[in-house]
Amino acid sequence: MSQTRTYQVRGMTCGHCAGAVTAELEKLGAVTAVVVEVVPQGDSLVTVTSTAALTDDAVRAVVAVAGYELVGTPSR
């Protein structure tokens, strides 16, 4: 059963930023899809679909590796 959650990410302003975050998230084995909505003047939205539950800490860690910050509470 798949799980989809949407996260707010601070600091992403362009397609390159979205690509960096997507690449890091795809390294998490269970991730099957990543959709990024870049909001240049605010917090961008990253929707992650996975085949297994991902912890917020795991997502936060890979987003940080890409150079960005997970903020707020993820929505389901």
PDB file of N, CA and C in Angstrom:
ATOM      1  N   MET A   1       0.847  -1.177   0.000  1.00  0.00           N
ATOM      2  CA  MET A   1       0.000   0.000   0.000  1.00  0.00           C
ATOM      3  C   MET A   1       0.895   1.244   0.000  1.00  0.00           C
ATOM      4  N   SER A   2       0.587   2.177  -0.858  1.00  0.00           N
ATOM      5  CA  SER A   2       1.429   3.375  -0.943  1.00  0.00           C
ATOM      6  C   SER A   2       0.975   4.443   0.044  1.00  0.00           C
ATOM      7  N   GLN A   3       1.906   5.294   0.364  1.00  0.00           N
ATOM      8  CA  GLN A   3       1.657   6.412   1.273  1.00  0.00           C
ATOM      9  C   GLN A   3       2.104   7.684   0.578  1.00  0.00           C
ATOM     10  N   THR A   4       1.284   8.729   0.654  1.00  0.00           N
ATOM     11  CA  THR A   4       1.641  10.021   0.067  1.00  0.00           C
ATOM     12  C   THR A   4       1.563  11.089   1.141  1.00  0.00           C
ATOM     13  N   ARG A   5       2.642  11.878   1.238  1.00  0.00           N
ATOM     14  CA  ARG A   5       2.679  12.990   2.192  1.00  0.00           C
ATOM     15  C   ARG A   5       3.266  14.209   1.500  1.00  0.00           C
ATOM     16  N   THR A   6       2.783  15.374   1.899  1.00  0.00           N
ATOM     17  CA  THR A   6       3.284  16.630   1.350  1.00  0.00           C
ATOM     18  C   THR A   6       4.011  17.395   2.446  1.00  0.00           C
ATOM     19  N   TYR A   7       5.214  17.850   2.099  1.00  0.00           N
ATOM     20  CA  TYR A   7       6.085  18.558   3.032  1.00  0.00           C
ATOM     21  C   TYR A   7       6.329  19.979   2.539  1.00  0.00           C
ATOM     22  N   GLN A   8       6.529  20.904   3.465  1.00  0.00           N
ATOM     23  CA  GLN A   8       6.948  22.261   3.129  1.00  0.00           C
ATOM     24  C   GLN A   8       8.466  22.309   3.247  1.00  0.00           C
ATOM     25  N   VAL A   9       9.104  22.867   2.220  1.00  0.00           N
ATOM     26  CA  VAL A   9      10.561  22.954   2.200  1.00  0.00           C
ATOM     27  C   VAL A   9      10.966  24.403   1.973  1.00  0.00           C
ATOM     28  N   ARG A  10      11.815  24.910   2.834  1.00  0.00           N
ATOM     29  CA  ARG A  10      12.270  26.298   2.765  1.00  0.00           C
ATOM     30  C   ARG A  10      13.589  26.385   2.006  1.00  0.00           C
ATOM     31  N   GLY A  11      13.681  27.416   1.148  1.00  0.00           N
ATOM     32  CA  GLY A  11      14.940  27.716   0.479  1.00  0.00           C
ATOM     33  C   GLY A  11      15.012  27.323  -0.983  1.00  0.00           C
ATOM     34  N   MET A  12      14.036  26.576  -1.472  1.00  0.00           N
ATOM     35  CA  MET A  12      14.052  26.168  -2.880  1.00  0.00           C
ATOM     36  C   MET A  12      13.474  27.299  -3.729  1.00  0.00           C
ATOM     37  N   THR A  13      14.207  27.696  -4.783  1.00  0.00           N
ATOM     38  CA  THR A  13      13.745  28.819  -5.601  1.00  0.00           C
ATOM     39  C   THR A  13      13.695  28.523  -7.092  1.00  0.00           C
ATOM     40  N   CYS A  14      14.151  27.335  -7.504  1.00  0.00           N
ATOM     41  CA  CYS A  14      14.228  27.070  -8.945  1.00  0.00           C
ATOM     42  C   CYS A  14      14.168  25.572  -9.236  1.00  0.00           C
ATOM     43  N   GLY A  15      14.194  25.247 -10.509  1.00  0.00           N
ATOM     44  CA  GLY A  15      14.166  23.859 -10.933  1.00  0.00           C
ATOM     45  C   GLY A  15      15.379  23.068 -10.484  1.00  0.00           C
ATOM     46  N   HIS A  16      16.539  23.722 -10.431  1.00  0.00           N
ATOM     47  CA  HIS A  16      17.745  23.039  -9.949  1.00  0.00           C
ATOM     48  C   HIS A  16      17.567  22.613  -8.500  1.00  0.00           C
ATOM     49  N   CYS A  17      16.981  23.491  -7.699  1.00  0.00           N
ATOM     50  CA  CYS A  17      16.703  23.173  -6.294  1.00  0.00           C
ATOM     51  C   CYS A  17      15.782  21.954  -6.208  1.00  0.00           C
ATOM     52  N   ALA A  18      14.732  21.977  -7.017  1.00  0.00           N
ATOM     53  CA  ALA A  18      13.778  20.869  -7.031  1.00  0.00           C
ATOM     54  C   ALA A  18      14.469  19.570  -7.418  1.00  0.00           C
ATOM     55  N   GLY A  19      15.360  19.635  -8.392  1.00  0.00           N
ATOM     56  CA  GLY A  19      16.092  18.450  -8.825  1.00  0.00           C
ATOM     57  C   GLY A  19      16.985  17.889  -7.738  1.00  0.00           C
ATOM     58  N   ALA A  20      17.625  18.777  -6.986  1.00  0.00           N
ATOM     59  CA  ALA A  20      18.512  18.341  -5.906  1.00  0.00           C
ATOM     60  C   ALA A  20      17.727  17.619  -4.813  1.00  0.00           C
ATOM     61  N   VAL A  21      16.587  18.182  -4.437  1.00  0.00           N
ATOM     62  CA  VAL A  21      15.757  17.561  -3.403  1.00  0.00           C
ATOM     63  C   VAL A  21      15.183  16.240  -3.911  1.00  0.00           C
ATOM     64  N   THR A  22      14.710  16.232  -5.143  1.00  0.00           N
ATOM     65  CA  THR A  22      14.154  15.006  -5.726  1.00  0.00           C
ATOM     66  C   THR A  22      15.200  13.895  -5.748  1.00  0.00           C
ATOM     67  N   ALA A  23      16.413  14.212  -6.179  1.00  0.00           N
ATOM     68  CA  ALA A  23      17.477  13.207  -6.255  1.00  0.00           C
ATOM     69  C   ALA A  23      17.779  12.606  -4.887  1.00  0.00           C
ATOM     70  N   GLU A  24      17.814  13.432  -3.857  1.00  0.00           N
ATOM     71  CA  GLU A  24      18.095  12.919  -2.514  1.00  0.00           C
ATOM     72  C   GLU A  24      16.946  12.058  -2.004  1.00  0.00           C
ATOM     73  N   LEU A  25      15.708  12.503  -2.236  1.00  0.00           N
ATOM     74  CA  LEU A  25      14.558  11.725  -1.772  1.00  0.00           C
ATOM     75  C   LEU A  25      14.478  10.379  -2.475  1.00  0.00           C
ATOM     76  N   GLU A  26      14.830  10.346  -3.754  1.00  0.00           N
ATOM     77  CA  GLU A  26      14.769   9.091  -4.503  1.00  0.00           C
ATOM     78  C   GLU A  26      15.792   8.074  -4.009  1.00  0.00           C
ATOM     79  N   LYS A  27      16.764   8.509  -3.235  1.00  0.00           N
ATOM     80  CA  LYS A  27      17.736   7.583  -2.646  1.00  0.00           C
ATOM     81  C   LYS A  27      17.126   6.762  -1.512  1.00  0.00           C
ATOM     82  N   LEU A  28      15.992   7.243  -0.975  1.00  0.00           N
ATOM     83  CA  LEU A  28      15.277   6.464   0.034  1.00  0.00           C
ATOM     84  C   LEU A  28      14.569   5.335  -0.719  1.00  0.00           C
ATOM     85  N   GLY A  29      14.892   4.117  -0.424  1.00  0.00           N
ATOM     86  CA  GLY A  29      14.453   2.974  -1.205  1.00  0.00           C
ATOM     87  C   GLY A  29      12.968   2.856  -1.480  1.00  0.00           C
ATOM     88  N   ALA A  30      12.128   3.297  -0.585  1.00  0.00           N
ATOM     89  CA  ALA A  30      10.691   3.108  -0.735  1.00  0.00           C
ATOM     90  C   ALA A  30      10.020   4.178  -1.593  1.00  0.00           C
ATOM     91  N   VAL A  31      10.725   5.240  -1.936  1.00  0.00           N
ATOM     92  CA  VAL A  31      10.122   6.356  -2.672  1.00  0.00           C
ATOM     93  C   VAL A  31       9.855   5.950  -4.117  1.00  0.00           C
ATOM     94  N   THR A  32       8.600   6.159  -4.550  1.00  0.00           N
ATOM     95  CA  THR A  32       8.212   5.826  -5.923  1.00  0.00           C
ATOM     96  C   THR A  32       7.934   7.061  -6.768  1.00  0.00           C
ATOM     97  N   ALA A  33       7.654   8.202  -6.126  1.00  0.00           N
ATOM     98  CA  ALA A  33       7.386   9.433  -6.873  1.00  0.00           C
ATOM     99  C   ALA A  33       7.647  10.644  -5.991  1.00  0.00           C
ATOM    100  N   VAL A  34       8.154  11.703  -6.631  1.00  0.00           N
ATOM    101  CA  VAL A  34       8.368  12.984  -5.956  1.00  0.00           C
ATOM    102  C   VAL A  34       7.847  14.068  -6.886  1.00  0.00           C
ATOM    103  N   VAL A  35       6.959  14.923  -6.371  1.00  0.00           N
ATOM    104  CA  VAL A  35       6.434  16.051  -7.138  1.00  0.00           C
ATOM    105  C   VAL A  35       6.752  17.315  -6.351  1.00  0.00           C
ATOM    106  N   VAL A  36       7.403  18.272  -7.014  1.00  0.00           N
ATOM    107  CA  VAL A  36       7.819  19.504  -6.345  1.00  0.00           C
ATOM    108  C   VAL A  36       7.093  20.693  -6.952  1.00  0.00           C
ATOM    109  N   GLU A  37       6.529  21.527  -6.088  1.00  0.00           N
ATOM    110  CA  GLU A  37       5.944  22.804  -6.504  1.00  0.00           C
ATOM    111  C   GLU A  37       6.819  23.898  -5.901  1.00  0.00           C
ATOM    112  N   VAL A  38       7.649  24.515  -6.746  1.00  0.00           N
ATOM    113  CA  VAL A  38       8.565  25.550  -6.275  1.00  0.00           C
ATOM    114  C   VAL A  38       7.794  26.849  -6.070  1.00  0.00           C
ATOM    115  N   VAL A  39       7.948  27.432  -4.893  1.00  0.00           N
ATOM    116  CA  VAL A  39       7.354  28.725  -4.553  1.00  0.00           C
ATOM    117  C   VAL A  39       8.526  29.652  -4.244  1.00  0.00           C
ATOM    118  N   PRO A  40       8.982  30.460  -5.239  1.00  0.00           N
ATOM    119  CA  PRO A  40      10.200  31.259  -5.072  1.00  0.00           C
ATOM    120  C   PRO A  40      10.183  32.223  -3.886  1.00  0.00           C
ATOM    121  N   GLN A  41       9.036  32.741  -3.531  1.00  0.00           N
ATOM    122  CA  GLN A  41       8.968  33.723  -2.449  1.00  0.00           C
ATOM    123  C   GLN A  41       8.402  33.135  -1.163  1.00  0.00           C
ATOM    124  N   GLY A  42       8.389  31.809  -1.059  1.00  0.00           N
ATOM    125  CA  GLY A  42       7.836  31.182   0.144  1.00  0.00           C
ATOM    126  C   GLY A  42       8.325  29.757   0.279  1.00  0.00           C
ATOM    127  N   ASP A  43       7.612  28.984   1.064  1.00  0.00           N
ATOM    128  CA  ASP A  43       7.980  27.586   1.265  1.00  0.00           C
ATOM    129  C   ASP A  43       7.414  26.744   0.130  1.00  0.00           C
ATOM    130  N   SER A  44       8.272  25.985  -0.522  1.00  0.00           N
ATOM    131  CA  SER A  44       7.859  25.119  -1.621  1.00  0.00           C
ATOM    132  C   SER A  44       7.194  23.868  -1.065  1.00  0.00           C
ATOM    133  N   LEU A  45       6.435  23.181  -1.922  1.00  0.00           N
ATOM    134  CA  LEU A  45       5.749  21.959  -1.523  1.00  0.00           C
ATOM    135  C   LEU A  45       6.375  20.767  -2.226  1.00  0.00           C
ATOM    136  N   VAL A  46       6.635  19.727  -1.457  1.00  0.00           N
ATOM    137  CA  VAL A  46       7.213  18.501  -1.997  1.00  0.00           C
ATOM    138  C   VAL A  46       6.297  17.351  -1.589  1.00  0.00           C
ATOM    139  N   THR A  47       5.723  16.690  -2.586  1.00  0.00           N
ATOM    140  CA  THR A  47       4.844  15.556  -2.329  1.00  0.00           C
ATOM    141  C   THR A  47       5.609  14.275  -2.633  1.00  0.00           C
ATOM    142  N   VAL A  48       5.655  13.403  -1.647  1.00  0.00           N
ATOM    143  CA  VAL A  48       6.422  12.159  -1.750  1.00  0.00           C
ATOM    144  C   VAL A  48       5.464  10.975  -1.636  1.00  0.00           C
ATOM    145  N   THR A  49       5.545  10.076  -2.607  1.00  0.00           N
ATOM    146  CA  THR A  49       4.784   8.831  -2.554  1.00  0.00           C
ATOM    147  C   THR A  49       5.778   7.699  -2.348  1.00  0.00           C
ATOM    148  N   SER A  50       5.443   6.803  -1.427  1.00  0.00           N
ATOM    149  CA  SER A  50       6.353   5.700  -1.118  1.00  0.00           C
ATOM    150  C   SER A  50       5.566   4.414  -0.900  1.00  0.00           C
ATOM    151  N   THR A  51       6.261   3.298  -1.040  1.00  0.00           N
ATOM    152  CA  THR A  51       5.633   1.996  -0.841  1.00  0.00           C
ATOM    153  C   THR A  51       5.641   1.575   0.617  1.00  0.00           C
ATOM    154  N   ALA A  52       6.378   2.292   1.435  1.00  0.00           N
ATOM    155  CA  ALA A  52       6.442   2.026   2.874  1.00  0.00           C
ATOM    156  C   ALA A  52       6.478   3.363   3.601  1.00  0.00           C
ATOM    157  N   ALA A  53       6.112   3.331   4.856  1.00  0.00           N
ATOM    158  CA  ALA A  53       6.102   4.558   5.643  1.00  0.00           C
ATOM    159  C   ALA A  53       7.515   5.129   5.761  1.00  0.00           C
ATOM    160  N   LEU A  54       7.619   6.436   5.600  1.00  0.00           N
ATOM    161  CA  LEU A  54       8.879   7.149   5.799  1.00  0.00           C
ATOM    162  C   LEU A  54       8.746   7.987   7.060  1.00  0.00           C
ATOM    163  N   THR A  55       9.781   8.022   7.859  1.00  0.00           N
ATOM    164  CA  THR A  55       9.721   8.881   9.036  1.00  0.00           C
ATOM    165  C   THR A  55      10.014  10.317   8.617  1.00  0.00           C
ATOM    166  N   ASP A  56       9.437  11.245   9.341  1.00  0.00           N
ATOM    167  CA  ASP A  56       9.711  12.654   9.066  1.00  0.00           C
ATOM    168  C   ASP A  56      11.197  12.950   9.241  1.00  0.00           C
ATOM    169  N   ASP A  57      11.825  12.282  10.194  1.00  0.00           N
ATOM    170  CA  ASP A  57      13.261  12.493  10.420  1.00  0.00           C
ATOM    171  C   ASP A  57      14.087  12.056   9.214  1.00  0.00           C
ATOM    172  N   ALA A  58      13.696  10.960   8.575  1.00  0.00           N
ATOM    173  CA  ALA A  58      14.422  10.491   7.388  1.00  0.00           C
ATOM    174  C   ALA A  58      14.280  11.487   6.251  1.00  0.00           C
ATOM    175  N   VAL A  59      13.064  11.997   6.055  1.00  0.00           N
ATOM    176  CA  VAL A  59      12.831  12.986   4.997  1.00  0.00           C
ATOM    177  C   VAL A  59      13.586  14.268   5.316  1.00  0.00           C
ATOM    178  N   ARG A  60      13.514  14.714   6.559  1.00  0.00           N
ATOM    179  CA  ARG A  60      14.221  15.929   6.983  1.00  0.00           C
ATOM    180  C   ARG A  60      15.725  15.802   6.721  1.00  0.00           C
ATOM    181  N   ALA A  61      16.285  14.639   7.006  1.00  0.00           N
ATOM    182  CA  ALA A  61      17.724  14.423   6.840  1.00  0.00           C
ATOM    183  C   ALA A  61      18.140  14.519   5.378  1.00  0.00           C
ATOM    184  N   VAL A  62      17.400  13.891   4.466  1.00  0.00           N
ATOM    185  CA  VAL A  62      17.810  13.936   3.057  1.00  0.00           C
ATOM    186  C   VAL A  62      17.556  15.310   2.447  1.00  0.00           C
ATOM    187  N   VAL A  63      16.520  15.999   2.905  1.00  0.00           N
ATOM    188  CA  VAL A  63      16.285  17.372   2.438  1.00  0.00           C
ATOM    189  C   VAL A  63      17.446  18.262   2.896  1.00  0.00           C
ATOM    190  N   ALA A  64      17.929  18.054   4.108  1.00  0.00           N
ATOM    191  CA  ALA A  64      19.068  18.825   4.623  1.00  0.00           C
ATOM    192  C   ALA A  64      20.337  18.536   3.827  1.00  0.00           C
ATOM    193  N   VAL A  65      20.540  17.282   3.425  1.00  0.00           N
ATOM    194  CA  VAL A  65      21.706  16.929   2.609  1.00  0.00           C
ATOM    195  C   VAL A  65      21.677  17.720   1.301  1.00  0.00           C
ATOM    196  N   ALA A  66      20.479  17.937   0.764  1.00  0.00           N
ATOM    197  CA  ALA A  66      20.334  18.707  -0.477  1.00  0.00           C
ATOM    198  C   ALA A  66      20.535  20.203  -0.237  1.00  0.00           C
ATOM    199  N   GLY A  67      20.556  20.622   1.034  1.00  0.00           N
ATOM    200  CA  GLY A  67      20.814  22.020   1.360  1.00  0.00           C
ATOM    201  C   GLY A  67      19.587  22.842   1.693  1.00  0.00           C
ATOM    202  N   TYR A  68      18.491  22.166   2.035  1.00  0.00           N
ATOM    203  CA  TYR A  68      17.233  22.871   2.305  1.00  0.00           C
ATOM    204  C   TYR A  68      16.673  22.436   3.649  1.00  0.00           C
ATOM    205  N   GLU A  69      15.610  23.105   4.065  1.00  0.00           N
ATOM    206  CA  GLU A  69      15.059  22.875   5.395  1.00  0.00           C
ATOM    207  C   GLU A  69      13.597  22.459   5.313  1.00  0.00           C
ATOM    208  N   LEU A  70      13.274  21.347   5.957  1.00  0.00           N
ATOM    209  CA  LEU A  70      11.893  20.903   6.084  1.00  0.00           C
ATOM    210  C   LEU A  70      11.249  21.731   7.187  1.00  0.00           C
ATOM    211  N   VAL A  71      10.086  22.319   6.918  1.00  0.00           N
ATOM    212  CA  VAL A  71       9.408  23.151   7.910  1.00  0.00           C
ATOM    213  C   VAL A  71       7.954  22.716   8.044  1.00  0.00           C
ATOM    214  N   GLY A  72       7.355  23.047   9.162  1.00  0.00           N
ATOM    215  CA  GLY A  72       5.947  22.735   9.354  1.00  0.00           C
ATOM    216  C   GLY A  72       5.704  21.252   9.564  1.00  0.00           C
ATOM    217  N   THR A  73       4.437  20.899   9.550  1.00  0.00           N
ATOM    218  CA  THR A  73       3.999  19.526   9.736  1.00  0.00           C
ATOM    219  C   THR A  73       3.533  18.969   8.405  1.00  0.00           C
ATOM    220  N   PRO A  74       3.995  17.780   8.016  1.00  0.00           N
ATOM    221  CA  PRO A  74       3.576  17.225   6.724  1.00  0.00           C
ATOM    222  C   PRO A  74       2.085  16.922   6.704  1.00  0.00           C
ATOM    223  N   SER A  75       1.493  17.051   5.531  1.00  0.00           N
ATOM    224  CA  SER A  75       0.081  16.707   5.379  1.00  0.00           C
ATOM    225  C   SER A  75      -0.025  15.360   4.702  1.00  0.00           C
ATOM    226  N   ARG A  76      -1.130  14.703   4.938  1.00  0.00           N
ATOM    227  CA  ARG A  76      -1.349  13.371   4.357  1.00  0.00           C
ATOM    228  C   ARG A  76      -2.352  13.435   3.258  1.00  0.00           C
TER     229      ARG A  76
END
